[in-house]
PDB file of N, CA and C in Angstrom:
ATOM      1  N   UNK A   1     106.173  70.324 115.307  1.00  0.00           N
ATOM      2  CA  UNK A   1     106.417  71.728 115.025  1.00  0.00           C
ATOM      3  C   UNK A   1     106.839  72.413 116.327  1.00  0.00           C
ATOM      4  N   UNK A   2     107.878  73.232 116.247  1.00  0.00           N
ATOM      5  CA  UNK A   2     108.372  73.915 117.432  1.00  0.00           C
ATOM      6  C   UNK A   2     107.537  75.170 117.705  1.00  0.00           C
ATOM      7  N   UNK A   3     107.719  75.724 118.886  1.00  0.00           N
ATOM      8  CA  UNK A   3     107.014  76.966 119.226  1.00  0.00           C
ATOM      9  C   UNK A   3     107.409  78.092 118.278  1.00  0.00           C
ATOM     10  N   UNK A   4     108.672  78.116 117.892  1.00  0.00           N
ATOM     11  CA  UNK A   4     109.144  79.157 116.978  1.00  0.00           C
ATOM     12  C   UNK A   4     108.479  79.015 115.619  1.00  0.00           C
ATOM     13  N   UNK A   5     108.369  77.791 115.116  1.00  0.00           N
ATOM     14  CA  UNK A   5     107.708  77.563 113.827  1.00  0.00           C
ATOM     15  C   UNK A   5     106.243  77.975 113.878  1.00  0.00           C
ATOM     16  N   UNK A   6     105.554  77.631 114.959  1.00  0.00           N
ATOM     17  CA  UNK A   6     104.137  77.980 115.055  1.00  0.00           C
ATOM     18  C   UNK A   6     103.964  79.486 115.201  1.00  0.00           C
ATOM     19  N   UNK A   7     104.888  80.160 115.899  1.00  0.00           N
ATOM     20  CA  UNK A   7     104.816  81.613 116.021  1.00  0.00           C
ATOM     21  C   UNK A   7     105.062  82.273 114.669  1.00  0.00           C
ATOM     22  N   UNK A   8     106.049  81.760 113.937  1.00  0.00           N
ATOM     23  CA  UNK A   8     106.350  82.302 112.606  1.00  0.00           C
ATOM     24  C   UNK A   8     105.144  82.124 111.680  1.00  0.00           C
ATOM     25  N   UNK A   9     104.505  80.966 111.755  1.00  0.00           N
ATOM     26  CA  UNK A   9     103.320  80.714 110.923  1.00  0.00           C
ATOM     27  C   UNK A   9     102.184  81.663 111.289  1.00  0.00           C
ATOM     28  N   UNK A  10     101.969  81.894 112.581  1.00  0.00           N
ATOM     29  CA  UNK A  10     100.936  82.817 113.041  1.00  0.00           C
ATOM     30  C   UNK A  10     101.206  84.232 112.529  1.00  0.00           C
ATOM     31  N   UNK A  11     102.435  84.675 112.653  1.00  0.00           N
ATOM     32  CA  UNK A  11     102.788  86.015 112.174  1.00  0.00           C
ATOM     33  C   UNK A  11     102.626  86.125 110.664  1.00  0.00           C
ATOM     34  N   UNK A  12     103.012  85.094 109.930  1.00  0.00           N
ATOM     35  CA  UNK A  12     102.850  85.098 108.483  1.00  0.00           C
ATOM     36  C   UNK A  12     101.366  85.152 108.112  1.00  0.00           C
ATOM     37  N   UNK A  13     100.528  84.428 108.828  1.00  0.00           N
ATOM     38  CA  UNK A  13      99.080  84.475 108.584  1.00  0.00           C
ATOM     39  C   UNK A  13      98.529  85.873 108.844  1.00  0.00           C
ATOM     40  N   UNK A  14      99.034  86.558 109.873  1.00  0.00           N
ATOM     41  CA  UNK A  14      98.591  87.924 110.148  1.00  0.00           C
ATOM     42  C   UNK A  14      99.011  88.879 109.037  1.00  0.00           C
ATOM     43  N   UNK A  15     100.201  88.670 108.496  1.00  0.00           N
ATOM     44  CA  UNK A  15     100.654  89.490 107.378  1.00  0.00           C
ATOM     45  C   UNK A  15      99.807  89.234 106.131  1.00  0.00           C
ATOM     46  N   UNK A  16      99.435  88.000 105.908  1.00  0.00           N
ATOM     47  CA  UNK A  16      98.576  87.663 104.765  1.00  0.00           C
ATOM     48  C   UNK A  16      97.205  88.327 104.928  1.00  0.00           C
ATOM     49  N   UNK A  17      96.662  88.346 106.133  1.00  0.00           N
ATOM     50  CA  UNK A  17      95.393  89.037 106.392  1.00  0.00           C
ATOM     51  C   UNK A  17      95.533  90.527 106.119  1.00  0.00           C
ATOM     52  N   UNK A  18      96.653  91.122 106.562  1.00  0.00           N
ATOM     53  CA  UNK A  18      96.891  92.541 106.299  1.00  0.00           C
ATOM     54  C   UNK A  18      96.904  92.799 104.795  1.00  0.00           C
ATOM     55  N   UNK A  19      97.592  91.932 104.040  1.00  0.00           N
ATOM     56  CA  UNK A  19      97.693  92.109 102.594  1.00  0.00           C
ATOM     57  C   UNK A  19      96.319  92.070 101.934  1.00  0.00           C
ATOM     58  N   UNK A  20      95.436  91.201 102.423  1.00  0.00           N
ATOM     59  CA  UNK A  20      94.115  91.052 101.827  1.00  0.00           C
ATOM     60  C   UNK A  20      93.112  92.109 102.262  1.00  0.00           C
ATOM     61  N   UNK A  21      93.474  92.942 103.230  1.00  0.00           N
ATOM     62  CA  UNK A  21      92.552  93.953 103.733  1.00  0.00           C
ATOM     63  C   UNK A  21      92.308  95.062 102.725  1.00  0.00           C
ATOM     64  N   UNK A  22      91.061  95.479 102.618  1.00  0.00           N
ATOM     65  CA  UNK A  22      90.731  96.584 101.718  1.00  0.00           C
ATOM     66  C   UNK A  22      91.179  97.886 102.364  1.00  0.00           C
ATOM     67  N   UNK A  23      91.770  98.757 101.562  1.00  0.00           N
ATOM     68  CA  UNK A  23      92.226 100.044 102.061  1.00  0.00           C
ATOM     69  C   UNK A  23      93.315  99.923 103.113  1.00  0.00           C
ATOM     70  N   UNK A  24      94.139  98.892 102.978  1.00  0.00           N
ATOM     71  CA  UNK A  24      95.174  98.674 103.988  1.00  0.00           C
ATOM     72  C   UNK A  24      96.140  99.851 104.046  1.00  0.00           C
ATOM     73  N   UNK A  25      96.678 100.070 105.204  1.00  0.00           N
ATOM     74  CA  UNK A  25      97.641 101.143 105.448  1.00  0.00           C
ATOM     75  C   UNK A  25      99.052 100.568 105.302  1.00  0.00           C
ATOM     76  N   UNK A  26     100.056 101.447 105.187  1.00  0.00           N
ATOM     77  CA  UNK A  26     101.430 100.933 105.146  1.00  0.00           C
ATOM     78  C   UNK A  26     101.721 100.101 106.395  1.00  0.00           C
ATOM     79  N   UNK A  27     102.580  99.127 106.221  1.00  0.00           N
ATOM     80  CA  UNK A  27     102.909  98.211 107.300  1.00  0.00           C
ATOM     81  C   UNK A  27     104.111  98.715 108.083  1.00  0.00           C
ATOM     82  N   UNK A  28     103.947  98.803 109.389  1.00  0.00           N
ATOM     83  CA  UNK A  28     105.054  99.133 110.280  1.00  0.00           C
ATOM     84  C   UNK A  28     105.154  97.982 111.262  1.00  0.00           C
ATOM     85  N   UNK A  29     106.303  97.342 111.272  1.00  0.00           N
ATOM     86  CA  UNK A  29     106.505  96.195 112.149  1.00  0.00           C
ATOM     87  C   UNK A  29     107.464  96.596 113.266  1.00  0.00           C
ATOM     88  N   UNK A  30     106.984  96.499 114.494  1.00  0.00           N
ATOM     89  CA  UNK A  30     107.801  96.859 115.655  1.00  0.00           C
ATOM     90  C   UNK A  30     108.051  95.615 116.492  1.00  0.00           C
ATOM     91  N   UNK A  31     109.127  95.646 117.236  1.00  0.00           N
ATOM     92  CA  UNK A  31     109.411  94.528 118.130  1.00  0.00           C
ATOM     93  C   UNK A  31     110.825  94.590 118.660  1.00  0.00           C
ATOM     94  N   UNK A  32     111.116  93.681 119.526  1.00  0.00           N
ATOM     95  CA  UNK A  32     112.429  93.570 120.130  1.00  0.00           C
ATOM     96  C   UNK A  32     113.495  93.323 119.067  1.00  0.00           C
ATOM     97  N   UNK A  33     114.703  93.747 119.339  1.00  0.00           N
ATOM     98  CA  UNK A  33     115.810  93.545 118.402  1.00  0.00           C
ATOM     99  C   UNK A  33     116.144  92.061 118.242  1.00  0.00           C
ATOM    100  N   UNK A  34     116.583  91.728 117.017  1.00  0.00           N
ATOM    101  CA  UNK A  34     117.144  90.409 116.732  1.00  0.00           C
ATOM    102  C   UNK A  34     116.177  89.235 116.940  1.00  0.00           C
ATOM    103  N   UNK A  35     114.903  89.434 116.599  1.00  0.00           N
ATOM    104  CA  UNK A  35     113.945  88.330 116.748  1.00  0.00           C
ATOM    105  C   UNK A  35     113.420  87.827 115.407  1.00  0.00           C
ATOM    106  N   UNK A  36     113.875  88.418 114.286  1.00  0.00           N
ATOM    107  CA  UNK A  36     113.494  87.912 112.971  1.00  0.00           C
ATOM    108  C   UNK A  36     112.478  88.755 112.221  1.00  0.00           C
ATOM    109  N   UNK A  37     112.247  89.994 112.628  1.00  0.00           N
ATOM    110  CA  UNK A  37     111.272  90.846 111.944  1.00  0.00           C
ATOM    111  C   UNK A  37     111.632  91.047 110.475  1.00  0.00           C
ATOM    112  N   UNK A  38     112.865  91.429 110.222  1.00  0.00           N
ATOM    113  CA  UNK A  38     113.302  91.698 108.848  1.00  0.00           C
ATOM    114  C   UNK A  38     113.262  90.431 108.011  1.00  0.00           C
ATOM    115  N   UNK A  39     113.700  89.327 108.568  1.00  0.00           N
ATOM    116  CA  UNK A  39     113.671  88.052 107.853  1.00  0.00           C
ATOM    117  C   UNK A  39     112.239  87.675 107.492  1.00  0.00           C
ATOM    118  N   UNK A  40     111.327  87.817 108.440  1.00  0.00           N
ATOM    119  CA  UNK A  40     109.914  87.510 108.194  1.00  0.00           C
ATOM    120  C   UNK A  40     109.356  88.390 107.084  1.00  0.00           C
ATOM    121  N   UNK A  41     109.654  89.686 107.128  1.00  0.00           N
ATOM    122  CA  UNK A  41     109.140  90.597 106.105  1.00  0.00           C
ATOM    123  C   UNK A  41     109.717  90.305 104.728  1.00  0.00           C
ATOM    124  N   UNK A  42     110.993  89.982 104.664  1.00  0.00           N
ATOM    125  CA  UNK A  42     111.593  89.650 103.364  1.00  0.00           C
ATOM    126  C   UNK A  42     110.986  88.360 102.804  1.00  0.00           C
ATOM    127  N   UNK A  43     110.767  87.369 103.652  1.00  0.00           N
ATOM    128  CA  UNK A  43     110.128  86.123 103.209  1.00  0.00           C
ATOM    129  C   UNK A  43     108.709  86.409 102.716  1.00  0.00           C
ATOM    130  N   UNK A  44     107.965  87.156 103.491  1.00  0.00           N
ATOM    131  CA  UNK A  44     106.586  87.515 103.125  1.00  0.00           C
ATOM    132  C   UNK A  44     106.567  88.289 101.805  1.00  0.00           C
ATOM    133  N   UNK A  45     107.448  89.261 101.676  1.00  0.00           N
ATOM    134  CA  UNK A  45     107.498  90.063 100.456  1.00  0.00           C
ATOM    135  C   UNK A  45     107.817  89.246  99.224  1.00  0.00           C
ATOM    136  N   UNK A  46     108.778  88.346  99.335  1.00  0.00           N
ATOM    137  CA  UNK A  46     109.152  87.513  98.193  1.00  0.00           C
ATOM    138  C   UNK A  46     108.015  86.595  97.762  1.00  0.00           C
ATOM    139  N   UNK A  47     107.264  86.095  98.735  1.00  0.00           N
ATOM    140  CA  UNK A  47     106.209  85.129  98.423  1.00  0.00           C
ATOM    141  C   UNK A  47     104.905  85.778  97.955  1.00  0.00           C
ATOM    142  N   UNK A  48     104.615  86.993  98.407  1.00  0.00           N
ATOM    143  CA  UNK A  48     103.285  87.559  98.183  1.00  0.00           C
ATOM    144  C   UNK A  48     103.250  88.875  97.412  1.00  0.00           C
ATOM    145  N   UNK A  49     104.401  89.427  97.041  1.00  0.00           N
ATOM    146  CA  UNK A  49     104.442  90.674  96.281  1.00  0.00           C
ATOM    147  C   UNK A  49     105.456  90.555  95.158  1.00  0.00           C
ATOM    148  N   UNK A  50     105.255  91.357  94.126  1.00  0.00           N
ATOM    149  CA  UNK A  50     106.204  91.343  93.010  1.00  0.00           C
ATOM    150  C   UNK A  50     107.465  92.134  93.351  1.00  0.00           C
ATOM    151  N   UNK A  51     107.368  93.082  94.281  1.00  0.00           N
ATOM    152  CA  UNK A  51     108.536  93.874  94.701  1.00  0.00           C
ATOM    153  C   UNK A  51     108.333  94.316  96.145  1.00  0.00           C
ATOM    154  N   UNK A  52     109.438  94.524  96.834  1.00  0.00           N
ATOM    155  CA  UNK A  52     109.413  94.965  98.227  1.00  0.00           C
ATOM    156  C   UNK A  52     110.308  96.187  98.362  1.00  0.00           C
ATOM    157  N   UNK A  53     109.818  97.189  99.057  1.00  0.00           N
ATOM    158  CA  UNK A  53     110.584  98.408  99.297  1.00  0.00           C
ATOM    159  C   UNK A  53     110.679  98.576 100.814  1.00  0.00           C
ATOM    160  N   UNK A  54     111.821  98.263 101.372  1.00  0.00           N
ATOM    161  CA  UNK A  54     111.997  98.326 102.823  1.00  0.00           C
ATOM    162  C   UNK A  54     112.766  99.591 103.187  1.00  0.00           C
ATOM    163  N   UNK A  55     112.237 100.332 104.145  1.00  0.00           N
ATOM    164  CA  UNK A  55     112.896 101.544 104.627  1.00  0.00           C
ATOM    165  C   UNK A  55     113.456 101.270 106.008  1.00  0.00           C
ATOM    166  N   UNK A  56     114.750 101.464 106.166  1.00  0.00           N
ATOM    167  CA  UNK A  56     115.389 101.263 107.455  1.00  0.00           C
ATOM    168  C   UNK A  56     115.982 102.601 107.890  1.00  0.00           C
ATOM    169  N   UNK A  57     115.260 103.291 108.765  1.00  0.00           N
ATOM    170  CA  UNK A  57     115.671 104.624 109.193  1.00  0.00           C
ATOM    171  C   UNK A  57     116.893 104.589 110.101  1.00  0.00           C
ATOM    172  N   UNK A  58     117.212 103.434 110.657  1.00  0.00           N
ATOM    173  CA  UNK A  58     118.409 103.321 111.490  1.00  0.00           C
ATOM    174  C   UNK A  58     119.667 103.187 110.646  1.00  0.00           C
ATOM    175  N   UNK A  59     119.560 102.499 109.524  1.00  0.00           N
ATOM    176  CA  UNK A  59     120.733 102.296 108.668  1.00  0.00           C
ATOM    177  C   UNK A  59     120.963 103.462 107.709  1.00  0.00           C
ATOM    178  N   UNK A  60     119.887 104.079 107.222  1.00  0.00           N
ATOM    179  CA  UNK A  60     120.012 105.199 106.290  1.00  0.00           C
ATOM    180  C   UNK A  60     119.439 106.443 106.949  1.00  0.00           C
ATOM    181  N   UNK A  61     120.305 107.193 107.577  1.00  0.00           N
ATOM    182  CA  UNK A  61     119.877 108.349 108.358  1.00  0.00           C
ATOM    183  C   UNK A  61     119.309 109.474 107.501  1.00  0.00           C
ATOM    184  N   UNK A  62     119.496 109.431 106.198  1.00  0.00           N
ATOM    185  CA  UNK A  62     118.967 110.467 105.320  1.00  0.00           C
ATOM    186  C   UNK A  62     117.528 110.254 104.890  1.00  0.00           C
ATOM    187  N   UNK A  63     116.966 109.098 105.167  1.00  0.00           N
ATOM    188  CA  UNK A  63     115.598 108.808 104.732  1.00  0.00           C
ATOM    189  C   UNK A  63     114.571 109.769 105.320  1.00  0.00           C
ATOM    190  N   UNK A  64     114.805 110.251 106.507  1.00  0.00           N
ATOM    191  CA  UNK A  64     113.831 111.128 107.142  1.00  0.00           C
ATOM    192  C   UNK A  64     113.603 112.411 106.354  1.00  0.00           C
ATOM    193  N   UNK A  65     114.569 112.814 105.546  1.00  0.00           N
ATOM    194  CA  UNK A  65     114.448 114.035 104.745  1.00  0.00           C
ATOM    195  C   UNK A  65     113.274 113.944 103.769  1.00  0.00           C
ATOM    196  N   UNK A  66     112.975 112.746 103.305  1.00  0.00           N
ATOM    197  CA  UNK A  66     111.870 112.551 102.362  1.00  0.00           C
ATOM    198  C   UNK A  66     110.544 112.998 102.981  1.00  0.00           C
ATOM    199  N   UNK A  67     110.428 112.869 104.284  1.00  0.00           N
ATOM    200  CA  UNK A  67     109.166 113.131 104.969  1.00  0.00           C
ATOM    201  C   UNK A  67     109.102 114.508 105.636  1.00  0.00           C
ATOM    202  N   UNK A  68     110.156 115.308 105.536  1.00  0.00           N
ATOM    203  CA  UNK A  68     110.203 116.579 106.246  1.00  0.00           C
ATOM    204  C   UNK A  68     109.376 117.681 105.604  1.00  0.00           C
ATOM    205  N   UNK A  69     109.489 117.864 104.305  1.00  0.00           N
ATOM    206  CA  UNK A  69     108.914 119.050 103.676  1.00  0.00           C
ATOM    207  C   UNK A  69     107.466 118.884 103.215  1.00  0.00           C
ATOM    208  N   UNK A  70     107.080 117.662 102.836  1.00  0.00           N
ATOM    209  CA  UNK A  70     105.765 117.481 102.229  1.00  0.00           C
ATOM    210  C   UNK A  70     105.264 116.072 102.559  1.00  0.00           C
ATOM    211  N   UNK A  71     104.157 115.989 103.263  1.00  0.00           N
ATOM    212  CA  UNK A  71     103.615 114.684 103.650  1.00  0.00           C
ATOM    213  C   UNK A  71     102.520 114.181 102.714  1.00  0.00           C
ATOM    214  N   UNK A  72     102.384 114.823 101.563  1.00  0.00           N
ATOM    215  CA  UNK A  72     101.429 114.343 100.571  1.00  0.00           C
ATOM    216  C   UNK A  72     101.878 112.971 100.080  1.00  0.00           C
ATOM    217  N   UNK A  73     101.001 111.965 100.157  1.00  0.00           N
ATOM    218  CA  UNK A  73     101.402 110.606  99.760  1.00  0.00           C
ATOM    219  C   UNK A  73     101.977 110.510  98.348  1.00  0.00           C
ATOM    220  N   UNK A  74     101.408 111.252  97.400  1.00  0.00           N
ATOM    221  CA  UNK A  74     101.915 111.202  96.024  1.00  0.00           C
ATOM    222  C   UNK A  74     103.347 111.727  95.955  1.00  0.00           C
ATOM    223  N   UNK A  75     103.615 112.791  96.706  1.00  0.00           N
ATOM    224  CA  UNK A  75     104.972 113.347  96.760  1.00  0.00           C
ATOM    225  C   UNK A  75     105.936 112.333  97.375  1.00  0.00           C
ATOM    226  N   UNK A  76     105.529 111.700  98.465  1.00  0.00           N
ATOM    227  CA  UNK A  76     106.385 110.724  99.146  1.00  0.00           C
ATOM    228  C   UNK A  76     106.694 109.553  98.223  1.00  0.00           C
ATOM    229  N   UNK A  77     105.684 109.060  97.517  1.00  0.00           N
ATOM    230  CA  UNK A  77     105.897 107.940  96.587  1.00  0.00           C
ATOM    231  C   UNK A  77     106.896 108.341  95.502  1.00  0.00           C
ATOM    232  N   UNK A  78     106.756 109.538  94.942  1.00  0.00           N
ATOM    233  CA  UNK A  78     107.702 109.989  93.917  1.00  0.00           C
ATOM    234  C   UNK A  78     109.119 110.069  94.472  1.00  0.00           C
ATOM    235  N   UNK A  79     109.254 110.587  95.683  1.00  0.00           N
ATOM    236  CA  UNK A  79     110.578 110.682  96.311  1.00  0.00           C
ATOM    237  C   UNK A  79     111.162 109.290  96.566  1.00  0.00           C
ATOM    238  N   UNK A  80     110.318 108.364  97.016  1.00  0.00           N
ATOM    239  CA  UNK A  80     110.782 107.002  97.274  1.00  0.00           C
ATOM    240  C   UNK A  80     111.160 106.292  95.975  1.00  0.00           C
ATOM    241  N   UNK A  81     110.408 106.547  94.913  1.00  0.00           N
ATOM    242  CA  UNK A  81     110.774 105.967  93.615  1.00  0.00           C
ATOM    243  C   UNK A  81     112.141 106.472  93.174  1.00  0.00           C
ATOM    244  N   UNK A  82     112.394 107.750  93.407  1.00  0.00           N
ATOM    245  CA  UNK A  82     113.706 108.303  93.081  1.00  0.00           C
ATOM    246  C   UNK A  82     114.782 107.668  93.960  1.00  0.00           C
ATOM    247  N   UNK A  83     114.489 107.524  95.239  1.00  0.00           N
ATOM    248  CA  UNK A  83     115.437 106.941  96.187  1.00  0.00           C
ATOM    249  C   UNK A  83     115.784 105.502  95.807  1.00  0.00           C
ATOM    250  N   UNK A  84     114.743 104.688  95.495  1.00  0.00           N
ATOM    251  CA  UNK A  84     114.961 103.284  95.144  1.00  0.00           C
ATOM    252  C   UNK A  84     115.370 103.092  93.686  1.00  0.00           C
ATOM    253  N   UNK A  85     115.202 104.133  92.887  1.00  0.00           N
ATOM    254  CA  UNK A  85     115.482 104.099  91.454  1.00  0.00           C
ATOM    255  C   UNK A  85     114.666 103.025  90.748  1.00  0.00           C
ATOM    256  N   UNK A  86     113.403 102.927  91.153  1.00  0.00           N
ATOM    257  CA  UNK A  86     112.465 102.010  90.479  1.00  0.00           C
ATOM    258  C   UNK A  86     111.034 102.446  90.806  1.00  0.00           C
ATOM    259  N   UNK A  87     110.108 102.019  89.983  1.00  0.00           N
ATOM    260  CA  UNK A  87     108.705 102.362  90.142  1.00  0.00           C
ATOM    261  C   UNK A  87     108.104 101.609  91.311  1.00  0.00           C
ATOM    262  N   UNK A  88     107.230 102.275  92.031  1.00  0.00           N
ATOM    263  CA  UNK A  88     106.509 101.631  93.134  1.00  0.00           C
ATOM    264  C   UNK A  88     105.084 101.388  92.669  1.00  0.00           C
ATOM    265  N   UNK A  89     104.694 100.125  92.634  1.00  0.00           N
ATOM    266  CA  UNK A  89     103.337  99.715  92.253  1.00  0.00           C
ATOM    267  C   UNK A  89     102.437  99.865  93.466  1.00  0.00           C
ATOM    268  N   UNK A  90     101.401 100.663  93.357  1.00  0.00           N
ATOM    269  CA  UNK A  90     100.527 100.941  94.501  1.00  0.00           C
ATOM    270  C   UNK A  90      99.431  99.902  94.688  1.00  0.00           C
ATOM    271  N   UNK A  91      99.337  98.932  93.838  1.00  0.00           N
ATOM    272  CA  UNK A  91      98.292  97.907  93.955  1.00  0.00           C
ATOM    273  C   UNK A  91      98.664  96.850  94.945  1.00  0.00           C
TER     274      UNK A  91
END
């Protein structure tokens, strides 16, 4: 196993722990550009969730508007459901 494979496995295990945590908060993944963050999240989402809703504030400059007027989580979820045109399962 290469260092990259073992690092990917470690990160995936950390994501699995996050998923199993009670009262988990939304996931924000930060890191250097072009190291595989998005790929890792898409793989994790496909394997461990029925749906994935990824927000990329760099590619869609209008997303920030959802968070400007009202930070109530229920309001944000409704706005995101409208944005994605699908229901967001909170479980």
